[in-house]
Amino acid sequence: MREHNNDGGDNGTFDELGVMPSILKALDKKKYVSPTEIQKKAIPLVLKRNDVLGCAQTGTGKTAAFAIPIIQLIEKIDGNNKGKPKIRSLILTPTRELAIQIDENINDYSEFTNIKHTVIFGGVKQHKQVERLRRGVHILVATPGRLLDLISQRLLHLDDIKLFVLDEADRMLDMGFINDIKKVLKLLPEKKQSLFFSATMPDNIVKLSRTILDKPIKIEVAPVSSAAETIQQYLYYTNRTSKKDLLLHILKDEDMDQVLMFSRTKRGADRIARNLQKVKINAAAIHGDKSQVQRQKALKKFKEGNIRVLVATDIAARGIDIDKLSYVINYEIPNESETYVHRIGRTGRAGENGVAISLCEPEENAYVKDIEKLINKRIKVIKDNPFPQTEKPMTEREKKEWNKEKARRKQEFFKNRKAKMAKGGGNGGRGGRGGNRRR
């Protein structure tokens, strides 16, 4: 594997990278002034038809780094063909939100070209997606499940692919997509250009890349152990039982008008959102159990400023790209240090200032130490805290008892919910419909 070295410094212009005039016009319309480091390194390599292994975390401009040269290469091959477009590029990505975001960016960058593109993902009916495919596209952005589903129905094939992108490879593996990826790889032409992007490069990712790439050039920017210097990081030590009160105390600051909050679990995200709604704070939760329509609706309202706090799980948050998002709150500290860096990287993007606040209960103290070791920096502890940490981490025995109690409560919750549903079904469903009207 070849390494691509670049000394950084002045990033120059997109014109100097060899980007064609029609795409430059679109970038100018989006007010892109100069390429980011990943774009500066990747675009010329892709245009020269190299396979690329890219290590870059979210917020570095990675999508444009592969989308711009792909549009240009396909425009030169097929741009003037009058027939039905063939799928020349497949971009495989783990989540629906990220797939939609990539497709939206491709739409912007290709505005003044003849490139046709579309996005397919699960969680919605397939009809509209199939209709778009039937009309023909050059670039297809897809999540693995829906892609393989439509292939099995013989509604699309990958025989004409010239460019393949595997994006967010580490998240793909975290989400259990390895078998789907292997199935897709078997359906791709042997002769193709492949681009492989991942925020981290553990052994299993490197091993996977070797099955995809041919003599790749490796590029690396913004290592995951670092967070943007524009992000101010703060830490509150508190108790598990007082986190809810501490959060409400923090949200008294009216300047925090748009907050992305992270929860470790789906039920936790729903619970946090409900608690905020009870005190008249506009909040919504997004996670894997929400439908695609629900997730997109909540995200749209958040971007438009109609929702103040969006509570998300880590998987659902992939692909949330909001310009000038100022605040991220970790309601729960992640047990993987790299996840912390990804989370807070949702703010402080493109040189903007951002604030990341973390609420730490005793069981999470060890996670903070791991995070500080990774980022090689002490997170500033807020002393003016009306709900300080007074408890010690639980012993192994206490943890066992607490987990038993959680399991009991969970069982009781579902038992009560089942009983309510059964009761509602016994009155002809009128109570359920009435409830819907009131909501």
Protein backbone atom coordinates (compact mmCIF):
# COMPACT_ATOMS: atom_id res chain seq x y z
CA MET A 1 0.00 0.00 0.00
CA ARG A 2 1.29 3.43 -0.96
CA GLU A 3 1.10 6.34 1.45
CA HIS A 4 0.06 9.76 0.22
CA ASN A 5 1.94 12.50 2.01
CA ASN A 6 0.85 16.09 2.09
CA ASP A 7 2.36 18.84 4.19
CA GLY A 8 -0.95 20.67 4.70
CA GLY A 9 -0.63 24.43 4.60
CA ASP A 10 -2.61 26.47 2.09
CA ASN A 11 -5.34 24.29 0.62
CA GLY A 12 -5.45 26.23 -2.66
CA THR A 13 -8.54 26.00 -4.89
CA PHE A 14 -10.72 23.30 -6.41
CA ASP A 15 -9.64 24.51 -9.84
CA GLU A 16 -6.04 23.59 -8.97
CA LEU A 17 -7.20 20.05 -8.13
CA GLY A 18 -8.42 19.59 -11.71
CA VAL A 19 -12.15 19.94 -11.02
CA MET A 20 -14.12 20.62 -14.21
CA PRO A 21 -15.85 24.02 -14.80
CA SER A 22 -19.45 22.74 -14.47
CA ILE A 23 -18.72 21.36 -11.00
CA LEU A 24 -16.72 24.46 -10.04
CA LYS A 25 -19.82 26.49 -10.86
CA ALA A 26 -21.89 24.34 -8.46
CA LEU A 27 -19.25 24.60 -5.72
CA ASP A 28 -19.16 28.35 -6.16
CA LYS A 29 -22.94 28.44 -5.76
CA LYS A 30 -22.56 26.54 -2.47
CA LYS A 31 -19.87 29.05 -1.46
CA TYR A 32 -17.12 26.42 -1.22
CA VAL A 33 -13.96 28.53 -1.19
CA SER A 34 -11.11 26.07 -0.80
CA PRO A 35 -10.91 22.28 -0.38
CA THR A 36 -10.52 20.64 3.01
CA GLU A 37 -7.49 18.46 3.64
CA ILE A 38 -9.27 15.21 2.73
CA GLN A 39 -10.61 16.80 -0.46
CA LYS A 40 -7.19 18.14 -1.38
CA LYS A 41 -5.67 14.68 -1.01
CA ALA A 42 -8.45 12.50 -2.42
CA ILE A 43 -9.84 14.36 -5.45
CA PRO A 44 -6.66 14.25 -7.64
CA LEU A 45 -6.07 10.59 -6.73
CA VAL A 46 -9.59 9.55 -7.66
CA LEU A 47 -9.46 11.53 -10.91
CA LYS A 48 -6.28 9.62 -11.79
CA ARG A 49 -8.25 6.36 -11.30
CA ASN A 50 -6.44 5.18 -8.16
CA ASP A 51 -8.05 2.98 -5.55
CA VAL A 52 -8.07 4.94 -2.29
CA LEU A 53 -8.10 3.91 1.36
CA GLY A 54 -9.20 6.98 3.31
CA CYS A 55 -9.14 7.41 7.07
CA ALA A 56 -11.19 10.48 7.94
CA GLN A 57 -13.72 11.23 10.64
CA THR A 58 -17.05 12.92 10.19
CA GLY A 59 -17.02 16.67 9.53
CA THR A 60 -13.86 16.66 7.39
CA GLY A 61 -15.63 17.06 4.03
CA LYS A 62 -15.30 13.40 3.13
CA THR A 63 -18.47 13.19 1.01
CA ALA A 64 -17.26 15.86 -1.41
CA ALA A 65 -13.85 14.17 -1.51
CA PHE A 66 -15.32 11.17 -3.33
CA ALA A 67 -18.54 12.62 -4.82
CA ILE A 68 -16.89 15.44 -6.81
CA PRO A 69 -14.39 13.25 -8.73
CA ILE A 70 -17.00 10.51 -9.28
CA ILE A 71 -19.38 13.02 -10.88
CA GLN A 72 -16.55 14.31 -13.06
CA LEU A 73 -15.38 10.88 -14.20
CA ILE A 74 -18.90 9.72 -15.09
CA GLU A 75 -19.73 13.01 -16.81
CA LYS A 76 -16.73 12.51 -19.10
CA ILE A 77 -17.70 8.89 -19.85
CA ASP A 78 -21.49 9.11 -20.12
CA GLY A 79 -22.44 12.78 -19.88
CA ASN A 80 -23.22 13.19 -23.58
CA ASN A 81 -24.91 9.81 -24.09
CA LYS A 82 -28.57 10.24 -25.01
CA GLY A 83 -29.70 6.75 -24.01
CA LYS A 84 -30.99 5.53 -20.65
CA PRO A 85 -28.27 6.04 -18.01
CA LYS A 86 -26.57 2.98 -16.58
CA ILE A 87 -25.51 2.66 -12.95
CA ARG A 88 -21.80 3.54 -13.12
CA SER A 89 -21.18 4.21 -9.45
CA LEU A 90 -22.46 2.57 -6.27
CA ILE A 91 -21.98 4.33 -2.94
CA LEU A 92 -22.75 1.99 -0.04
CA THR A 93 -23.36 3.53 3.37
CA PRO A 94 -24.76 2.24 6.70
CA THR A 95 -27.70 4.49 7.58
CA ARG A 96 -30.68 6.04 5.87
CA GLU A 97 -29.81 9.52 7.10
CA LEU A 98 -26.29 9.34 5.74
CA ALA A 99 -27.50 7.94 2.41
CA ILE A 100 -29.96 10.82 2.02
CA GLN A 101 -27.30 13.36 2.96
CA ILE A 102 -24.83 11.97 0.38
CA ASP A 103 -27.50 12.00 -2.33
CA GLU A 104 -28.39 15.61 -1.49
CA ASN A 105 -24.73 16.59 -1.81
CA ILE A 106 -24.43 14.80 -5.15
CA ASN A 107 -27.49 16.69 -6.30
CA ASP A 108 -25.81 19.99 -5.42
CA TYR A 109 -22.42 19.17 -6.94
CA SER A 110 -23.89 17.80 -10.20
CA GLU A 111 -26.40 20.62 -10.78
CA PHE A 112 -24.71 21.84 -13.96
CA THR A 113 -23.88 18.40 -15.36
CA ASN A 114 -25.96 15.69 -17.05
CA ILE A 115 -25.52 13.24 -14.18
CA LYS A 116 -28.60 11.38 -12.90
CA HIS A 117 -28.61 9.96 -9.40
CA THR A 118 -30.88 8.51 -6.73
CA VAL A 119 -30.87 7.03 -3.24
CA ILE A 120 -32.46 3.80 -1.98
CA PHE A 121 -32.95 2.73 1.64
CA GLY A 122 -35.27 0.61 3.75
CA GLY A 123 -38.01 1.68 6.14
CA VAL A 124 -40.21 3.14 3.37
CA LYS A 125 -42.17 1.65 0.46
CA GLN A 126 -40.00 0.84 -2.52
CA HIS A 127 -42.29 2.06 -5.32
CA LYS A 128 -40.89 5.57 -5.77
CA GLN A 129 -37.31 4.31 -5.53
CA VAL A 130 -37.97 1.63 -8.16
CA GLU A 131 -39.59 4.16 -10.51
CA ARG A 132 -36.50 6.36 -10.29
CA LEU A 133 -34.24 3.39 -11.04
CA ARG A 134 -36.33 2.44 -14.07
CA ARG A 135 -35.77 5.88 -15.56
CA GLY A 136 -32.03 5.26 -15.24
CA VAL A 137 -29.32 6.73 -13.01
CA HIS A 138 -25.55 7.10 -13.19
CA ILE A 139 -24.92 7.20 -9.43
CA LEU A 140 -26.73 5.07 -6.87
CA VAL A 141 -26.45 5.71 -3.12
CA ALA A 142 -27.74 2.78 -1.08
CA THR A 143 -27.98 1.08 2.27
CA PRO A 144 -27.11 -2.63 2.10
CA GLY A 145 -30.50 -4.14 2.99
CA ARG A 146 -32.63 -2.33 0.41
CA LEU A 147 -29.93 -2.74 -2.26
CA LEU A 148 -29.83 -6.53 -1.88
CA ASP A 149 -33.63 -6.68 -1.64
CA LEU A 150 -34.10 -4.90 -4.99
CA ILE A 151 -31.36 -6.99 -6.59
CA SER A 152 -33.10 -10.17 -5.41
CA GLN A 153 -36.30 -8.87 -7.07
CA ARG A 154 -34.28 -8.31 -10.26
CA LEU A 155 -35.15 -4.63 -10.21
CA LEU A 156 -31.52 -3.58 -10.58
CA HIS A 157 -28.11 -5.07 -11.27
CA LEU A 158 -24.53 -3.94 -10.71
CA ASP A 159 -22.93 -5.20 -13.95
CA ASP A 160 -22.05 -1.71 -15.25
CA ILE A 161 -20.39 -0.36 -12.10
CA LYS A 162 -17.11 1.46 -12.74
CA LEU A 163 -16.72 3.15 -9.35
CA PHE A 164 -17.55 1.64 -5.96
CA VAL A 165 -17.48 3.49 -2.63
CA LEU A 166 -17.76 1.87 0.79
CA ASP A 167 -18.37 4.74 3.22
CA GLU A 168 -18.30 4.61 7.04
CA ALA A 169 -16.80 1.11 6.91
CA ASP A 170 -16.24 0.90 10.68
CA ARG A 171 -19.87 1.74 11.38
CA MET A 172 -20.92 -0.83 8.76
CA LEU A 173 -19.14 -3.54 10.73
CA ASP A 174 -20.45 -2.23 14.07
CA MET A 175 -23.98 -2.55 12.71
CA GLY A 176 -23.43 -6.14 11.57
CA PHE A 177 -23.39 -5.52 7.82
CA ILE A 178 -20.29 -7.60 7.07
CA ASN A 179 -22.24 -10.45 5.39
CA ASP A 180 -24.27 -7.99 3.31
CA ILE A 181 -21.08 -6.25 2.21
CA LYS A 182 -19.59 -9.57 1.12
CA LYS A 183 -22.74 -10.36 -0.88
CA VAL A 184 -22.57 -6.99 -2.64
CA LEU A 185 -18.87 -7.43 -3.45
CA LYS A 186 -19.61 -10.71 -5.23
CA LEU A 187 -22.12 -8.90 -7.48
CA LEU A 188 -19.72 -6.14 -8.57
CA PRO A 189 -17.56 -6.36 -11.70
CA GLU A 190 -14.01 -7.49 -11.01
CA LYS A 191 -12.61 -4.53 -12.94
CA LYS A 192 -13.60 -1.33 -11.16
CA GLN A 193 -12.18 1.56 -9.17
CA SER A 194 -12.85 1.28 -5.44
CA LEU A 195 -12.79 3.87 -2.66
CA PHE A 196 -12.90 2.83 0.97
CA PHE A 197 -13.51 5.33 3.79
CA SER A 198 -13.50 4.70 7.52
CA ALA A 199 -13.13 6.90 10.60
CA THR A 200 -11.00 4.24 12.29
CA MET A 201 -8.67 1.54 10.99
CA PRO A 202 -8.71 -1.45 13.35
CA ASP A 203 -7.45 -4.81 12.05
CA ASN A 204 -10.85 -6.04 10.85
CA ILE A 205 -11.30 -2.88 8.75
CA VAL A 206 -7.83 -3.21 7.20
CA LYS A 207 -8.55 -6.86 6.43
CA LEU A 208 -11.84 -5.94 4.73
CA SER A 209 -10.15 -3.20 2.71
CA ARG A 210 -7.71 -5.75 1.27
CA THR A 211 -10.61 -7.71 -0.22
CA ILE A 212 -11.95 -4.58 -1.94
CA LEU A 213 -8.99 -2.46 -3.02
CA ASP A 214 -6.28 -2.96 -5.64
CA LYS A 215 -2.93 -1.29 -4.87
CA PRO A 216 -4.64 1.51 -2.94
CA ILE A 217 -3.11 4.80 -1.92
CA LYS A 218 -3.76 5.47 1.74
CA ILE A 219 -4.71 8.97 2.86
CA GLU A 220 -5.34 10.04 6.44
CA VAL A 221 -6.52 13.29 7.98
CA ALA A 222 -7.92 14.45 11.32
CA PRO A 223 -7.13 11.29 13.27
CA VAL A 224 -9.96 10.10 15.47
CA SER A 225 -7.93 10.80 18.60
CA SER A 226 -8.40 14.51 18.06
CA ALA A 227 -11.37 16.84 18.27
CA ALA A 228 -11.61 20.15 16.46
CA GLU A 229 -9.85 22.96 18.30
CA THR A 230 -12.97 25.08 17.80
CA ILE A 231 -14.95 22.85 20.22
CA GLN A 232 -15.06 23.89 23.88
CA GLN A 233 -15.47 20.76 26.03
CA TYR A 234 -17.10 20.84 29.47
CA LEU A 235 -17.81 18.15 32.04
CA TYR A 236 -20.34 17.95 34.88
CA TYR A 237 -19.86 15.24 37.52
CA THR A 238 -23.23 14.26 38.95
CA ASN A 239 -25.25 11.28 40.24
CA ARG A 240 -27.40 9.03 38.10
CA THR A 241 -30.56 10.11 39.94
CA SER A 242 -29.83 13.83 39.48
CA LYS A 243 -28.93 13.85 35.77
CA LYS A 244 -32.44 14.87 34.76
CA ASP A 245 -32.40 17.87 37.13
CA LEU A 246 -28.90 18.86 36.03
CA LEU A 247 -29.96 18.79 32.38
CA LEU A 248 -32.91 21.10 33.06
CA HIS A 249 -30.54 23.43 34.94
CA ILE A 250 -28.20 23.57 31.94
CA LEU A 251 -31.06 24.15 29.49
CA LYS A 252 -32.14 27.26 31.41
CA ASP A 253 -29.54 28.98 29.25
CA GLU A 254 -31.73 30.43 26.48
CA ASP A 255 -28.73 30.78 24.16
CA MET A 256 -28.84 26.99 23.80
CA ASP A 257 -31.55 27.17 21.17
CA GLN A 258 -30.44 24.13 19.14
CA VAL A 259 -29.01 21.12 20.98
CA LEU A 260 -28.12 17.67 19.70
CA MET A 261 -28.20 15.27 22.64
CA PHE A 262 -26.86 11.72 22.77
CA SER A 263 -28.40 8.78 24.60
CA ARG A 264 -26.89 5.31 24.78
CA THR A 265 -30.20 3.50 24.20
CA LYS A 266 -33.41 3.90 22.20
CA ARG A 267 -35.63 3.77 25.30
CA GLY A 268 -33.34 6.27 26.98
CA ALA A 269 -33.70 8.69 24.05
CA ASP A 270 -37.50 8.43 24.22
CA ARG A 271 -37.49 8.93 28.00
CA ILE A 272 -35.28 12.03 27.82
CA ALA A 273 -37.46 13.56 25.09
CA ARG A 274 -40.64 12.89 27.11
CA ASN A 275 -39.15 14.45 30.25
CA LEU A 276 -38.21 17.59 28.33
CA GLN A 277 -41.64 17.84 26.72
CA LYS A 278 -43.24 17.69 30.19
CA VAL A 279 -41.48 20.95 31.10
CA LYS A 280 -42.45 22.61 27.80
CA ILE A 281 -39.08 22.15 26.05
CA ASN A 282 -39.60 21.23 22.40
CA ALA A 283 -37.81 17.90 22.02
CA ALA A 284 -37.90 14.80 19.83
CA ALA A 285 -36.05 11.49 19.72
CA ILE A 286 -34.65 9.65 16.72
CA HIS A 287 -33.39 6.08 16.75
CA GLY A 288 -33.57 2.82 14.84
CA ASP A 289 -37.09 1.94 16.04
CA LYS A 290 -38.54 5.13 14.57
CA SER A 291 -39.84 4.96 10.99
CA GLN A 292 -37.93 6.76 8.27
CA VAL A 293 -40.78 9.27 7.95
CA GLN A 294 -40.67 10.00 11.70
CA ARG A 295 -36.89 10.43 11.67
CA GLN A 296 -36.86 12.74 8.67
CA LYS A 297 -39.74 14.80 10.05
CA ALA A 298 -37.96 15.29 13.39
CA LEU A 299 -34.67 16.13 11.70
CA LYS A 300 -36.36 18.64 9.39
CA LYS A 301 -38.06 20.35 12.34
CA PHE A 302 -34.75 20.45 14.21
CA LYS A 303 -32.91 22.03 11.27
CA GLU A 304 -35.70 24.59 10.87
CA GLY A 305 -35.48 25.53 14.57
CA ASN A 306 -38.91 24.16 15.52
CA ILE A 307 -37.37 21.57 17.84
CA ARG A 308 -34.91 22.81 20.44
CA VAL A 309 -33.46 19.46 21.55
CA LEU A 310 -33.01 16.43 19.30
CA VAL A 311 -32.15 13.30 21.29
CA ALA A 312 -30.39 10.64 19.22
CA THR A 313 -28.67 7.31 19.56
CA ASP A 314 -25.24 7.02 17.95
CA ILE A 315 -26.40 4.98 14.95
CA ALA A 316 -29.31 7.33 14.19
CA ALA A 317 -27.02 10.35 14.49
CA ARG A 318 -24.73 9.21 11.67
CA GLY A 319 -25.54 11.46 8.73
CA ILE A 320 -26.88 14.35 10.80
CA ASP A 321 -25.02 17.25 9.25
CA ILE A 322 -26.27 20.61 10.49
CA ASP A 323 -24.50 23.82 9.61
CA LYS A 324 -23.48 25.92 12.60
CA LEU A 325 -24.79 23.50 15.24
CA SER A 326 -23.42 25.07 18.41
CA TYR A 327 -24.25 22.56 21.16
CA VAL A 328 -23.84 18.84 21.71
CA ILE A 329 -24.73 17.24 25.06
CA ASN A 330 -23.67 13.75 26.09
CA TYR A 331 -26.47 12.78 28.47
CA GLU A 332 -24.58 9.53 28.88
CA ILE A 333 -20.82 9.15 28.43
CA PRO A 334 -20.03 6.57 25.73
CA ASN A 335 -18.02 3.54 26.81
CA GLU A 336 -15.99 3.77 23.58
CA SER A 337 -13.69 6.78 23.59
CA GLU A 338 -13.76 7.19 19.80
CA THR A 339 -17.55 7.49 19.93
CA TYR A 340 -17.11 10.57 22.12
CA VAL A 341 -14.97 12.22 19.44
CA HIS A 342 -17.54 11.39 16.74
CA ARG A 343 -20.36 12.77 18.85
CA ILE A 344 -18.81 16.11 19.69
CA GLY A 345 -17.61 16.40 16.09
CA ARG A 346 -21.22 17.24 15.15
CA THR A 347 -20.44 20.75 16.37
CA GLY A 348 -17.45 22.98 15.63
CA ARG A 349 -17.60 22.04 11.95
CA ALA A 350 -15.96 23.93 9.09
CA GLY A 351 -14.15 26.27 11.47
CA GLU A 352 -17.27 27.27 13.41
CA ASN A 353 -17.23 27.40 17.22
CA GLY A 354 -19.01 24.68 19.18
CA VAL A 355 -19.68 23.56 22.75
CA ALA A 356 -19.74 19.95 23.95
CA ILE A 357 -21.17 19.24 27.42
CA SER A 358 -20.99 15.84 29.10
CA LEU A 359 -22.96 14.69 32.16
CA CYS A 360 -21.04 12.04 34.07
CA GLU A 361 -22.50 9.71 36.71
CA PRO A 362 -20.21 7.62 38.95
CA GLU A 363 -20.35 4.51 36.73
CA GLU A 364 -19.03 6.61 33.84
CA ASN A 365 -16.01 8.13 35.62
CA ALA A 366 -13.72 5.49 34.12
CA TYR A 367 -15.02 6.32 30.61
CA VAL A 368 -13.98 9.96 31.08
CA LYS A 369 -10.43 8.91 31.96
CA ASP A 370 -10.27 6.77 28.80
CA ILE A 371 -11.56 9.66 26.68
CA GLU A 372 -9.02 12.12 28.12
CA LYS A 373 -6.27 9.60 27.44
CA LEU A 374 -7.38 9.26 23.82
CA ILE A 375 -7.72 12.99 23.10
CA ASN A 376 -4.64 13.77 25.20
CA LYS A 377 -6.47 16.58 26.92
CA ARG A 378 -8.25 17.22 30.22
CA ILE A 379 -11.91 18.13 29.82
CA LYS A 380 -12.78 21.24 31.80
CA VAL A 381 -14.85 20.34 34.88
CA ILE A 382 -17.66 22.79 35.79
CA LYS A 383 -17.45 23.53 39.51
CA ASP A 384 -20.59 25.68 39.67
CA ASN A 385 -22.80 22.60 39.71
CA PRO A 386 -25.98 22.50 41.83
CA PHE A 387 -26.14 18.70 41.47
CA PRO A 388 -22.57 17.53 42.21
CA GLN A 389 -21.47 13.92 42.26
CA THR A 390 -21.64 12.56 45.80
CA GLU A 391 -21.90 8.83 45.18
CA LYS A 392 -19.14 6.34 44.46
CA PRO A 393 -19.18 3.85 41.57
CA MET A 394 -21.12 0.70 42.43
CA THR A 395 -19.35 -2.44 43.52
CA GLU A 396 -19.74 -5.57 41.38
CA ARG A 397 -22.41 -6.84 43.76
CA GLU A 398 -24.32 -3.57 43.61
CA LYS A 399 -24.12 -3.59 39.81
CA LYS A 400 -25.56 -7.10 39.77
CA GLU A 401 -28.44 -6.04 41.98
CA TRP A 402 -29.06 -2.90 39.93
CA ASN A 403 -29.12 -4.88 36.67
CA LYS A 404 -31.63 -7.28 38.25
CA GLU A 405 -33.81 -4.34 39.23
CA LYS A 406 -33.57 -2.86 35.72
CA ALA A 407 -34.59 -6.20 34.20
CA ARG A 408 -37.54 -6.40 36.62
CA ARG A 409 -38.70 -2.88 35.74
CA LYS A 410 -38.36 -3.58 32.04
CA GLN A 411 -40.42 -6.76 32.36
CA GLU A 412 -43.05 -4.89 34.35
CA PHE A 413 -43.14 -2.06 31.77
CA PHE A 414 -43.84 -4.43 28.87
CA LYS A 415 -46.33 -6.42 30.92
CA ASN A 416 -48.30 -3.25 31.72
CA ARG A 417 -48.12 -2.07 28.11
CA LYS A 418 -49.41 -5.44 26.89
CA ALA A 419 -52.29 -5.25 29.38
CA LYS A 420 -53.19 -1.73 28.22
CA MET A 421 -53.15 -2.79 24.58
CA ALA A 422 -55.37 -5.78 25.35
CA LYS A 423 -57.77 -3.54 27.26
CA GLY A 424 -57.86 -1.02 24.40
CA GLY A 425 -58.63 -3.79 21.91
CA GLY A 426 -61.61 -4.94 23.95
CA ASN A 427 -63.71 -1.79 23.44
CA GLY A 428 -63.85 -1.88 19.67
CA GLY A 429 -60.75 0.29 19.36
CA ARG A 430 -62.70 3.50 20.04
CA GLY A 431 -60.41 4.53 22.86
CA GLY A 432 -57.37 4.18 20.61
CA ARG A 433 -58.85 6.30 17.85
CA GLY A 434 -59.98 8.92 20.31
CA GLY A 435 -56.48 9.07 21.72
CA ASN A 436 -55.07 9.67 18.28
CA ARG A 437 -57.42 12.61 17.75
CA ARG A 438 -56.34 14.21 21.00
CA ARG A 439 -52.65 13.88 20.01
